Amino acid sequence: MQVWIVFLLCLGGKALAAPANEDEVIDEVLEELPVGSNPVQVETGEFDEAIEVIEETPSENPCLNHHCKKGKVCEVDESNTPMCVCQDPSTCPTSTAEFEHVCGTDNKTYDSSCHFFATKCALEGTKKGHKLHLDYIGPCKFIAPCIDNELSEFPLRMRDWLKNVLVSLYERDEDNNMLSEKQKLRVKKIYENQKRLQAGEHSLDLLAHDFEKNYNMYIFPVHWQFGQLDQHPIDGYLSHTELAPLRAPLIPMEHCTTRFFDQCDTDNDKYIALEEWAGCFGLKEQDVDKDLVI
């Protein structure tokens, strides 16, 4: 998780606020990333509140093959049956750096994500526990209000960032471990169009044509990011937990992040559907395609 957090903290004010420098930032960080990594978000497992998998492979210690979700640990009962119980926050490792702290939606700073999820687990079944989520990485601090004109610019910078990340992955994916073949075919068109748009002088007619080409380059990256987040479960909707790997590192750097994702949920059902997600990034209704979530 530390690699991801360092990456996103390095972006502070650059990745989204200054698109012209994005390629340089991404180049510096991708050198350190393991093959197959998604540089857009931190590892999903760090924010996973929903997964609990039981494997029935025999073993001397039943807990070895019994996996609990964040905030819980495995214990055995009197019949040696494994079960998940809330972890005692005092058993969590002490943080060694400030970026290991996390801020909850209760505006309280927790020493680490381990401490946060252990606390949340103890509140299961209560109104407070239902409302408590991990808000962002780092200690709680004042987040300036997001004004309307800033909010209107945010999705444009965000989708441009997504496009640049995908192009960088395409350029570096020599071993076919970062993108699937289907994804590479989509990104290849974006890559070629971007190179053409950057080269030479353009007539007014060509510039008008290029404006449409430029818009088309964002369609797949927006769908791609939705697919990266829609994992637990893969159901065509993003929950607060599924959004966390993307939004939690961004909030300390981009003060419009929370308002942006809140307004994406147009029907206020606490989930963001693909159509809502695409609309937030300025995609036209006719360009929303579930087959692009690959």
C-alpha atoms as a PDB file:
ATOM      1  CA  MET A   1       0.000   0.000   0.000  1.00  0.00           C
ATOM      2  CA  GLN A   2       2.886   2.366   0.742  1.00  0.00           C
ATOM      3  CA  VAL A   3       3.912   2.488  -2.940  1.00  0.00           C
ATOM      4  CA  TRP A   4       0.435   3.586  -3.916  1.00  0.00           C
ATOM      5  CA  ILE A   5       0.226   6.249  -1.232  1.00  0.00           C
ATOM      6  CA  VAL A   6       3.646   7.658  -2.104  1.00  0.00           C
ATOM      7  CA  PHE A   7       2.587   7.744  -5.755  1.00  0.00           C
ATOM      8  CA  LEU A   8      -0.589   9.649  -5.047  1.00  0.00           C
ATOM      9  CA  LEU A   9       1.043  12.031  -2.586  1.00  0.00           C
ATOM     10  CA  CYS A  10       3.666  12.792  -5.245  1.00  0.00           C
ATOM     11  CA  LEU A  11       0.832  13.820  -7.528  1.00  0.00           C
ATOM     12  CA  GLY A  12      -0.318  16.516  -5.029  1.00  0.00           C
ATOM     13  CA  GLY A  13      -1.457  19.375  -7.173  1.00  0.00           C
ATOM     14  CA  LYS A  14       0.209  17.944 -10.291  1.00  0.00           C
ATOM     15  CA  ALA A  15      -1.705  14.902 -11.520  1.00  0.00           C
ATOM     16  CA  LEU A  16      -5.051  16.671 -11.735  1.00  0.00           C
ATOM     17  CA  ALA A  17      -4.390  20.349 -11.221  1.00  0.00           C
ATOM     18  CA  ALA A  18      -1.636  20.521 -13.842  1.00  0.00           C
ATOM     19  CA  PRO A  19      -2.325  18.067 -16.681  1.00  0.00           C
ATOM     20  CA  ALA A  20       0.661  19.309 -18.661  1.00  0.00           C
ATOM     21  CA  ASN A  21       3.003  17.649 -16.184  1.00  0.00           C
ATOM     22  CA  GLU A  22       1.093  14.377 -15.874  1.00  0.00           C
ATOM     23  CA  ASP A  23       3.283  12.350 -18.191  1.00  0.00           C
ATOM     24  CA  GLU A  24       6.385  13.324 -16.241  1.00  0.00           C
ATOM     25  CA  VAL A  25       4.788  12.371 -12.912  1.00  0.00           C
ATOM     26  CA  ILE A  26       3.479   9.071 -14.227  1.00  0.00           C
ATOM     27  CA  ASP A  27       6.845   8.262 -15.806  1.00  0.00           C
ATOM     28  CA  GLU A  28       8.634   8.744 -12.496  1.00  0.00           C
ATOM     29  CA  VAL A  29       6.259   6.536 -10.546  1.00  0.00           C
ATOM     30  CA  LEU A  30       5.714   3.718 -13.003  1.00  0.00           C
ATOM     31  CA  GLU A  31       9.420   2.919 -12.789  1.00  0.00           C
ATOM     32  CA  GLU A  32       8.747   1.716  -9.231  1.00  0.00           C
ATOM     33  CA  LEU A  33       5.475  -0.104  -9.776  1.00  0.00           C
ATOM     34  CA  PRO A  34       5.291  -3.893  -9.958  1.00  0.00           C
ATOM     35  CA  VAL A  35       4.173  -5.378 -13.251  1.00  0.00           C
ATOM     36  CA  GLY A  36       0.403  -5.579 -13.525  1.00  0.00           C
ATOM     37  CA  SER A  37      -0.242  -2.656 -11.180  1.00  0.00           C
ATOM     38  CA  ASN A  38      -2.953  -0.082 -11.706  1.00  0.00           C
ATOM     39  CA  PRO A  39      -1.386   3.324 -11.033  1.00  0.00           C
ATOM     40  CA  VAL A  40      -4.735   5.090 -10.834  1.00  0.00           C
ATOM     41  CA  GLN A  41      -5.699   3.774  -7.429  1.00  0.00           C
ATOM     42  CA  VAL A  42      -4.343   2.216  -4.277  1.00  0.00           C
ATOM     43  CA  GLU A  43      -4.730  -1.501  -3.711  1.00  0.00           C
ATOM     44  CA  THR A  44      -8.366  -2.482  -3.302  1.00  0.00           C
ATOM     45  CA  GLY A  45      -7.624  -4.850  -0.435  1.00  0.00           C
ATOM     46  CA  GLU A  46      -6.655  -1.977   1.827  1.00  0.00           C
ATOM     47  CA  PHE A  47     -10.260  -0.780   1.815  1.00  0.00           C
ATOM     48  CA  ASP A  48     -12.117  -4.050   1.463  1.00  0.00           C
ATOM     49  CA  GLU A  49     -15.057  -4.171   3.864  1.00  0.00           C
ATOM     50  CA  ALA A  50     -17.093  -6.846   2.133  1.00  0.00           C
ATOM     51  CA  ILE A  51     -15.096  -9.987   1.342  1.00  0.00           C
ATOM     52  CA  GLU A  52     -15.162 -13.075   3.528  1.00  0.00           C
ATOM     53  CA  VAL A  53     -14.062 -16.307   1.846  1.00  0.00           C
ATOM     54  CA  ILE A  54     -14.115 -19.725   3.457  1.00  0.00           C
ATOM     55  CA  GLU A  55     -11.975 -22.487   1.970  1.00  0.00           C
ATOM     56  CA  GLU A  56     -12.617 -25.959   3.300  1.00  0.00           C
ATOM     57  CA  THR A  57      -9.160 -27.403   2.675  1.00  0.00           C
ATOM     58  CA  PRO A  58      -8.251 -29.548   5.710  1.00  0.00           C
ATOM     59  CA  SER A  59      -5.415 -28.258   7.874  1.00  0.00           C
ATOM     60  CA  GLU A  60      -4.142 -28.564  11.422  1.00  0.00           C
ATOM     61  CA  ASN A  61      -5.096 -24.976  12.133  1.00  0.00           C
ATOM     62  CA  PRO A  62      -8.595 -24.296  10.689  1.00  0.00           C
ATOM     63  CA  CYS A  63      -7.839 -20.562  10.586  1.00  0.00           C
ATOM     64  CA  LEU A  64      -5.074 -21.023   8.010  1.00  0.00           C
ATOM     65  CA  ASN A  65      -7.669 -21.408   5.261  1.00  0.00           C
ATOM     66  CA  HIS A  66     -10.338 -19.171   6.732  1.00  0.00           C
ATOM     67  CA  HIS A  67     -10.056 -15.596   5.514  1.00  0.00           C
ATOM     68  CA  CYS A  68     -11.805 -12.728   7.252  1.00  0.00           C
ATOM     69  CA  LYS A  69     -12.657  -9.282   5.945  1.00  0.00           C
ATOM     70  CA  LYS A  70     -10.871  -6.150   7.121  1.00  0.00           C
ATOM     71  CA  GLY A  71     -11.339  -5.490  10.811  1.00  0.00           C
ATOM     72  CA  LYS A  72     -11.813  -9.151  11.733  1.00  0.00           C
ATOM     73  CA  VAL A  73      -9.485 -11.998  12.708  1.00  0.00           C
ATOM     74  CA  CYS A  74     -10.018 -15.738  12.787  1.00  0.00           C
ATOM     75  CA  GLU A  75     -10.511 -17.673  16.007  1.00  0.00           C
ATOM     76  CA  VAL A  76     -11.704 -21.219  16.686  1.00  0.00           C
ATOM     77  CA  ASP A  77     -14.608 -22.121  18.948  1.00  0.00           C
ATOM     78  CA  GLU A  78     -14.849 -25.046  21.369  1.00  0.00           C
ATOM     79  CA  SER A  79     -15.502 -27.450  18.496  1.00  0.00           C
ATOM     80  CA  ASN A  80     -12.392 -26.200  16.639  1.00  0.00           C
ATOM     81  CA  THR A  81     -14.560 -24.463  14.037  1.00  0.00           C
ATOM     82  CA  PRO A  82     -13.050 -21.270  12.619  1.00  0.00           C
ATOM     83  CA  MET A  83     -15.015 -18.043  12.905  1.00  0.00           C
ATOM     84  CA  CYS A  84     -14.333 -14.370  12.245  1.00  0.00           C
ATOM     85  CA  VAL A  85     -14.432 -11.999  15.203  1.00  0.00           C
ATOM     86  CA  CYS A  86     -13.697  -8.290  15.488  1.00  0.00           C
ATOM     87  CA  GLN A  87     -10.029  -7.497  15.886  1.00  0.00           C
ATOM     88  CA  ASP A  88      -8.908  -5.623  18.996  1.00  0.00           C
ATOM     89  CA  PRO A  89      -7.493  -2.280  17.740  1.00  0.00           C
ATOM     90  CA  SER A  90      -4.675  -2.582  20.288  1.00  0.00           C
ATOM     91  CA  THR A  91      -3.327  -5.590  18.343  1.00  0.00           C
ATOM     92  CA  CYS A  92      -2.827  -3.519  15.172  1.00  0.00           C
ATOM     93  CA  PRO A  93       0.785  -2.585  14.327  1.00  0.00           C
ATOM     94  CA  THR A  94       1.746   0.932  15.328  1.00  0.00           C
ATOM     95  CA  SER A  95       2.131   3.254  12.343  1.00  0.00           C
ATOM     96  CA  THR A  96       5.617   4.485  11.504  1.00  0.00           C
ATOM     97  CA  ALA A  97       4.759   7.333   9.113  1.00  0.00           C
ATOM     98  CA  GLU A  98       2.098  10.012   8.847  1.00  0.00           C
ATOM     99  CA  PHE A  99       0.753   8.705   5.538  1.00  0.00           C
ATOM    100  CA  GLU A 100      -0.261   5.489   7.296  1.00  0.00           C
ATOM    101  CA  HIS A 101      -2.879   7.429   9.257  1.00  0.00           C
ATOM    102  CA  VAL A 102      -6.402   7.518   7.840  1.00  0.00           C
ATOM    103  CA  CYS A 103      -9.320   9.866   8.377  1.00  0.00           C
ATOM    104  CA  GLY A 104     -12.786   8.457   8.949  1.00  0.00           C
ATOM    105  CA  THR A 105     -16.080  10.040   7.929  1.00  0.00           C
ATOM    106  CA  ASP A 106     -16.493  10.780  11.638  1.00  0.00           C
ATOM    107  CA  ASN A 107     -13.641  13.312  11.174  1.00  0.00           C
ATOM    108  CA  LYS A 108     -11.433  11.259  13.485  1.00  0.00           C
ATOM    109  CA  THR A 109      -7.835  10.341  12.684  1.00  0.00           C
ATOM    110  CA  TYR A 110      -7.010   6.644  13.081  1.00  0.00           C
ATOM    111  CA  ASP A 111      -3.445   5.401  13.493  1.00  0.00           C
ATOM    112  CA  SER A 112      -3.807   3.074  10.478  1.00  0.00           C
ATOM    113  CA  SER A 113      -6.408   1.400   8.280  1.00  0.00           C
ATOM    114  CA  CYS A 114      -6.123  -1.611  10.611  1.00  0.00           C
ATOM    115  CA  HIS A 115      -7.180   0.516  13.577  1.00  0.00           C
ATOM    116  CA  PHE A 116     -10.007   2.037  11.550  1.00  0.00           C
ATOM    117  CA  PHE A 117     -11.526  -1.245  10.376  1.00  0.00           C
ATOM    118  CA  ALA A 118     -11.172  -2.852  13.798  1.00  0.00           C
ATOM    119  CA  THR A 119     -13.096   0.087  15.268  1.00  0.00           C
ATOM    120  CA  LYS A 120     -15.722  -0.088  12.534  1.00  0.00           C
ATOM    121  CA  CYS A 121     -16.182  -3.812  13.136  1.00  0.00           C
ATOM    122  CA  ALA A 122     -16.893  -3.213  16.833  1.00  0.00           C
ATOM    123  CA  LEU A 123     -19.685  -0.850  15.751  1.00  0.00           C
ATOM    124  CA  GLU A 124     -21.386  -3.358  13.417  1.00  0.00           C
ATOM    125  CA  GLY A 125     -25.147  -3.330  13.773  1.00  0.00           C
ATOM    126  CA  THR A 126     -25.232   0.234  15.072  1.00  0.00           C
ATOM    127  CA  LYS A 127     -26.291   3.420  13.293  1.00  0.00           C
ATOM    128  CA  LYS A 128     -22.844   4.913  13.892  1.00  0.00           C
ATOM    129  CA  GLY A 129     -21.132   1.870  12.428  1.00  0.00           C
ATOM    130  CA  HIS A 130     -23.363   1.911   9.334  1.00  0.00           C
ATOM    131  CA  LYS A 131     -22.425   5.522   8.611  1.00  0.00           C
ATOM    132  CA  LEU A 132     -18.714   5.159   9.354  1.00  0.00           C
ATOM    133  CA  HIS A 133     -16.457   4.822   6.312  1.00  0.00           C
ATOM    134  CA  LEU A 134     -12.828   5.474   5.532  1.00  0.00           C
ATOM    135  CA  ASP A 135     -12.818   8.996   4.095  1.00  0.00           C
ATOM    136  CA  TYR A 136      -9.241   9.604   2.991  1.00  0.00           C
ATOM    137  CA  ILE A 137      -5.599   8.711   3.520  1.00  0.00           C
ATOM    138  CA  GLY A 138      -3.644  10.788   6.002  1.00  0.00           C
ATOM    139  CA  PRO A 139      -4.645  12.547   9.222  1.00  0.00           C
ATOM    140  CA  CYS A 140      -7.891  14.519   9.245  1.00  0.00           C
ATOM    141  CA  LYS A 141      -7.456  18.134   8.201  1.00  0.00           C
ATOM    142  CA  PHE A 142      -9.442  21.089   6.924  1.00  0.00           C
ATOM    143  CA  ILE A 143     -10.687  20.490   3.372  1.00  0.00           C
ATOM    144  CA  ALA A 144     -11.563  23.731   1.597  1.00  0.00           C
ATOM    145  CA  PRO A 145     -15.089  23.952   0.130  1.00  0.00           C
ATOM    146  CA  CYS A 146     -15.402  23.127  -3.561  1.00  0.00           C
ATOM    147  CA  ILE A 147     -16.996  25.974  -5.498  1.00  0.00           C
ATOM    148  CA  ASP A 148     -19.094  25.454  -8.623  1.00  0.00           C
ATOM    149  CA  ASN A 149     -16.552  26.457 -11.273  1.00  0.00           C
ATOM    150  CA  GLU A 150     -13.925  24.210  -9.664  1.00  0.00           C
ATOM    151  CA  LEU A 151     -16.394  21.323  -9.652  1.00  0.00           C
ATOM    152  CA  SER A 152     -17.101  21.782 -13.369  1.00  0.00           C
ATOM    153  CA  GLU A 153     -13.363  21.574 -14.164  1.00  0.00           C
ATOM    154  CA  PHE A 154     -12.636  18.543 -11.985  1.00  0.00           C
ATOM    155  CA  PRO A 155     -14.060  15.773 -14.250  1.00  0.00           C
ATOM    156  CA  LEU A 156     -12.242  17.223 -17.273  1.00  0.00           C
ATOM    157  CA  ARG A 157      -8.889  16.996 -15.496  1.00  0.00           C
ATOM    158  CA  MET A 158      -9.757  13.602 -14.069  1.00  0.00           C
ATOM    159  CA  ARG A 159     -10.653  12.000 -17.384  1.00  0.00           C
ATOM    160  CA  ASP A 160      -7.552  13.476 -19.004  1.00  0.00           C
ATOM    161  CA  TRP A 161      -5.486  11.922 -16.228  1.00  0.00           C
ATOM    162  CA  LEU A 162      -7.123   8.533 -16.802  1.00  0.00           C
ATOM    163  CA  LYS A 163      -6.360   8.772 -20.510  1.00  0.00           C
ATOM    164  CA  ASN A 164      -2.709   9.639 -19.868  1.00  0.00           C
ATOM    165  CA  VAL A 165      -2.322   6.754 -17.422  1.00  0.00           C
ATOM    166  CA  LEU A 166      -3.691   4.276 -19.963  1.00  0.00           C
ATOM    167  CA  VAL A 167      -1.409   5.613 -22.705  1.00  0.00           C
ATOM    168  CA  SER A 168       1.595   5.270 -20.376  1.00  0.00           C
ATOM    169  CA  LEU A 169       0.616   1.688 -19.560  1.00  0.00           C
ATOM    170  CA  TYR A 170       0.280   0.933 -23.268  1.00  0.00           C
ATOM    171  CA  GLU A 171       3.740   2.328 -24.020  1.00  0.00           C
ATOM    172  CA  ARG A 172       5.351   0.252 -21.263  1.00  0.00           C
ATOM    173  CA  ASP A 173       3.367  -2.978 -21.612  1.00  0.00           C
ATOM    174  CA  GLU A 174       6.002  -5.004 -23.443  1.00  0.00           C
ATOM    175  CA  ASP A 175       5.204  -8.206 -21.549  1.00  0.00           C
ATOM    176  CA  ASN A 176       1.400  -7.914 -21.834  1.00  0.00           C
ATOM    177  CA  ASN A 177       0.987  -7.900 -18.060  1.00  0.00           C
ATOM    178  CA  MET A 178      -0.537  -4.456 -17.572  1.00  0.00           C
ATOM    179  CA  LEU A 179      -3.359  -4.498 -20.101  1.00  0.00           C
ATOM    180  CA  SER A 180      -5.366  -7.296 -21.689  1.00  0.00           C
ATOM    181  CA  GLU A 181      -5.341  -7.711 -25.465  1.00  0.00           C
ATOM    182  CA  LYS A 182      -8.823  -6.202 -25.731  1.00  0.00           C
ATOM    183  CA  GLN A 183      -7.737  -3.231 -23.650  1.00  0.00           C
ATOM    184  CA  LYS A 184      -4.591  -2.744 -25.720  1.00  0.00           C
ATOM    185  CA  LEU A 185      -6.599  -2.620 -28.939  1.00  0.00           C
ATOM    186  CA  ARG A 186      -8.731   0.162 -27.487  1.00  0.00           C
ATOM    187  CA  VAL A 187      -5.784   2.104 -26.100  1.00  0.00           C
ATOM    188  CA  LYS A 188      -3.819   1.739 -29.350  1.00  0.00           C
ATOM    189  CA  LYS A 189      -6.361   3.945 -31.140  1.00  0.00           C
ATOM    190  CA  ILE A 190      -6.124   6.534 -28.356  1.00  0.00           C
ATOM    191  CA  TYR A 191      -2.330   6.424 -28.502  1.00  0.00           C
ATOM    192  CA  GLU A 192      -2.221   6.912 -32.272  1.00  0.00           C
ATOM    193  CA  ASN A 193      -4.751   9.760 -32.226  1.00  0.00           C
ATOM    194  CA  GLN A 194      -2.886  11.530 -29.450  1.00  0.00           C
ATOM    195  CA  LYS A 195       0.395  11.344 -31.352  1.00  0.00           C
ATOM    196  CA  ARG A 196      -1.278  12.747 -34.465  1.00  0.00           C
ATOM    197  CA  LEU A 197      -2.944  15.584 -32.574  1.00  0.00           C
ATOM    198  CA  GLN A 198       0.373  16.621 -31.049  1.00  0.00           C
ATOM    199  CA  ALA A 199       2.178  16.823 -34.400  1.00  0.00           C
ATOM    200  CA  GLY A 200       2.321  19.879 -36.671  1.00  0.00           C
ATOM    201  CA  GLU A 201      -0.006  22.747 -37.546  1.00  0.00           C
ATOM    202  CA  HIS A 202      -3.728  22.142 -38.020  1.00  0.00           C
ATOM    203  CA  SER A 203      -6.241  23.903 -40.255  1.00  0.00           C
ATOM    204  CA  LEU A 204      -9.529  25.136 -38.768  1.00  0.00           C
ATOM    205  CA  ASP A 205     -11.410  22.253 -40.369  1.00  0.00           C
ATOM    206  CA  LEU A 206      -8.954  19.751 -38.975  1.00  0.00           C
ATOM    207  CA  LEU A 207      -9.080  21.362 -35.538  1.00  0.00           C
ATOM    208  CA  ALA A 208     -12.857  20.968 -35.505  1.00  0.00           C
ATOM    209  CA  HIS A 209     -12.452  17.329 -36.450  1.00  0.00           C
ATOM    210  CA  ASP A 210      -9.754  16.939 -33.796  1.00  0.00           C
ATOM    211  CA  PHE A 211     -12.073  18.277 -31.093  1.00  0.00           C
ATOM    212  CA  GLU A 212     -14.373  15.313 -31.700  1.00  0.00           C
ATOM    213  CA  LYS A 213     -11.400  12.954 -31.826  1.00  0.00           C
ATOM    214  CA  ASN A 214     -10.180  14.377 -28.524  1.00  0.00           C
ATOM    215  CA  TYR A 215     -13.545  13.677 -26.890  1.00  0.00           C
ATOM    216  CA  ASN A 216     -13.544  10.114 -28.218  1.00  0.00           C
ATOM    217  CA  MET A 217     -10.189   9.478 -26.560  1.00  0.00           C
ATOM    218  CA  TYR A 218     -11.860   9.773 -23.130  1.00  0.00           C
ATOM    219  CA  ILE A 219     -14.683   7.294 -23.691  1.00  0.00           C
ATOM    220  CA  PHE A 220     -12.725   4.107 -23.039  1.00  0.00           C
ATOM    221  CA  PRO A 221     -10.592   5.413 -20.112  1.00  0.00           C
ATOM    222  CA  VAL A 222     -13.760   6.380 -18.223  1.00  0.00           C
ATOM    223  CA  HIS A 223     -15.260   2.915 -18.782  1.00  0.00           C
ATOM    224  CA  TRP A 224     -11.926   1.273 -17.911  1.00  0.00           C
ATOM    225  CA  GLN A 225     -11.711   2.986 -14.528  1.00  0.00           C
ATOM    226  CA  PHE A 226     -15.288   1.950 -13.705  1.00  0.00           C
ATOM    227  CA  GLY A 227     -14.328  -1.679 -14.394  1.00  0.00           C
ATOM    228  CA  GLN A 228     -11.208  -1.372 -12.233  1.00  0.00           C
ATOM    229  CA  LEU A 229     -13.354  -0.300  -9.274  1.00  0.00           C
ATOM    230  CA  ASP A 230     -16.408  -2.523  -9.783  1.00  0.00           C
ATOM    231  CA  GLN A 231     -14.983  -5.663  -8.184  1.00  0.00           C
ATOM    232  CA  HIS A 232     -16.808  -6.645  -4.970  1.00  0.00           C
ATOM    233  CA  PRO A 233     -19.169  -7.692  -6.414  1.00  0.00           C
ATOM    234  CA  ILE A 234     -18.998  -7.104 -10.160  1.00  0.00           C
ATOM    235  CA  ASP A 235     -22.567  -5.867 -10.547  1.00  0.00           C
ATOM    236  CA  GLY A 236     -22.456  -2.650 -12.566  1.00  0.00           C
ATOM    237  CA  TYR A 237     -22.631  -0.426  -9.483  1.00  0.00           C
ATOM    238  CA  LEU A 238     -19.961   1.267  -7.358  1.00  0.00           C
ATOM    239  CA  SER A 239     -20.437   1.299  -3.595  1.00  0.00           C
ATOM    240  CA  HIS A 240     -18.640   3.616  -1.182  1.00  0.00           C
ATOM    241  CA  THR A 241     -16.234   0.769  -0.419  1.00  0.00           C
ATOM    242  CA  GLU A 242     -15.457   0.151  -4.099  1.00  0.00           C
ATOM    243  CA  LEU A 243     -14.819   3.876  -4.645  1.00  0.00           C
ATOM    244  CA  ALA A 244     -12.443   4.107  -1.687  1.00  0.00           C
ATOM    245  CA  PRO A 245      -9.247   2.976  -3.498  1.00  0.00           C
ATOM    246  CA  LEU A 246      -9.654   5.931  -5.888  1.00  0.00           C
ATOM    247  CA  ARG A 247     -11.244   8.646  -3.768  1.00  0.00           C
ATOM    248  CA  ALA A 248      -9.371   8.121  -0.483  1.00  0.00           C
ATOM    249  CA  PRO A 249      -5.916   9.134  -1.841  1.00  0.00           C
ATOM    250  CA  LEU A 250      -7.382  12.008  -3.894  1.00  0.00           C
ATOM    251  CA  ILE A 251      -9.336  13.898  -1.232  1.00  0.00           C
ATOM    252  CA  PRO A 252      -6.321  15.450   0.569  1.00  0.00           C
ATOM    253  CA  MET A 253      -5.031  16.760  -2.787  1.00  0.00           C
ATOM    254  CA  GLU A 254      -8.271  17.516  -4.648  1.00  0.00           C
ATOM    255  CA  HIS A 255     -10.834  19.227  -2.447  1.00  0.00           C
ATOM    256  CA  CYS A 256     -13.623  18.709  -5.005  1.00  0.00           C
ATOM    257  CA  THR A 257     -13.338  14.903  -4.853  1.00  0.00           C
ATOM    258  CA  THR A 258     -16.079  14.313  -2.264  1.00  0.00           C
ATOM    259  CA  ARG A 259     -18.557  16.714  -3.876  1.00  0.00           C
ATOM    260  CA  PHE A 260     -17.834  15.234  -7.303  1.00  0.00           C
ATOM    261  CA  PHE A 261     -18.578  11.646  -6.273  1.00  0.00           C
ATOM    262  CA  ASP A 262     -21.611  12.746  -4.270  1.00  0.00           C
ATOM    263  CA  GLN A 263     -23.148  14.438  -7.282  1.00  0.00           C
ATOM    264  CA  CYS A 264     -22.443  11.376  -9.443  1.00  0.00           C
ATOM    265  CA  ASP A 265     -25.068   9.517  -7.410  1.00  0.00           C
ATOM    266  CA  THR A 266     -27.928  11.321  -9.105  1.00  0.00           C
ATOM    267  CA  ASP A 267     -30.667   9.130  -7.604  1.00  0.00           C
ATOM    268  CA  ASN A 268     -29.153   9.229  -4.094  1.00  0.00           C
ATOM    269  CA  ASP A 269     -29.292   5.455  -3.641  1.00  0.00           C
ATOM    270  CA  LYS A 270     -25.694   5.291  -2.295  1.00  0.00           C
ATOM    271  CA  TYR A 271     -24.506   3.495  -5.448  1.00  0.00           C
ATOM    272  CA  ILE A 272     -23.102   4.873  -8.700  1.00  0.00           C
ATOM    273  CA  ALA A 273     -24.289   3.061 -11.820  1.00  0.00           C
ATOM    274  CA  LEU A 274     -22.242   3.043 -15.039  1.00  0.00           C
ATOM    275  CA  GLU A 275     -24.618   5.560 -16.621  1.00  0.00           C
ATOM    276  CA  GLU A 276     -24.218   7.918 -13.655  1.00  0.00           C
ATOM    277  CA  TRP A 277     -20.439   7.486 -13.685  1.00  0.00           C
ATOM    278  CA  ALA A 278     -20.162   8.229 -17.404  1.00  0.00           C
ATOM    279  CA  GLY A 279     -22.411  11.277 -17.088  1.00  0.00           C
ATOM    280  CA  CYS A 280     -20.202  12.674 -14.325  1.00  0.00           C
ATOM    281  CA  PHE A 281     -17.240  12.607 -16.678  1.00  0.00           C
ATOM    282  CA  GLY A 282     -19.127  14.395 -19.422  1.00  0.00           C
ATOM    283  CA  LEU A 283     -19.763  11.406 -21.695  1.00  0.00           C
ATOM    284  CA  LYS A 284     -22.821  11.525 -23.925  1.00  0.00           C
ATOM    285  CA  GLU A 285     -25.614   9.068 -23.201  1.00  0.00           C
ATOM    286  CA  GLN A 286     -25.163   7.335 -26.550  1.00  0.00           C
ATOM    287  CA  ASP A 287     -21.494   6.667 -25.760  1.00  0.00           C
ATOM    288  CA  VAL A 288     -22.173   4.652 -22.589  1.00  0.00           C
ATOM    289  CA  ASP A 289     -21.469   1.018 -23.433  1.00  0.00           C
ATOM    290  CA  LYS A 290     -21.260  -1.841 -20.922  1.00  0.00           C
ATOM    291  CA  ASP A 291     -19.152  -3.794 -23.417  1.00  0.00           C
ATOM    292  CA  LEU A 292     -16.356  -1.243 -22.894  1.00  0.00           C
ATOM    293  CA  VAL A 293     -16.019  -2.258 -19.234  1.00  0.00           C
ATOM    294  CA  ILE A 294     -13.306  -4.834 -19.963  1.00  0.00           C
END
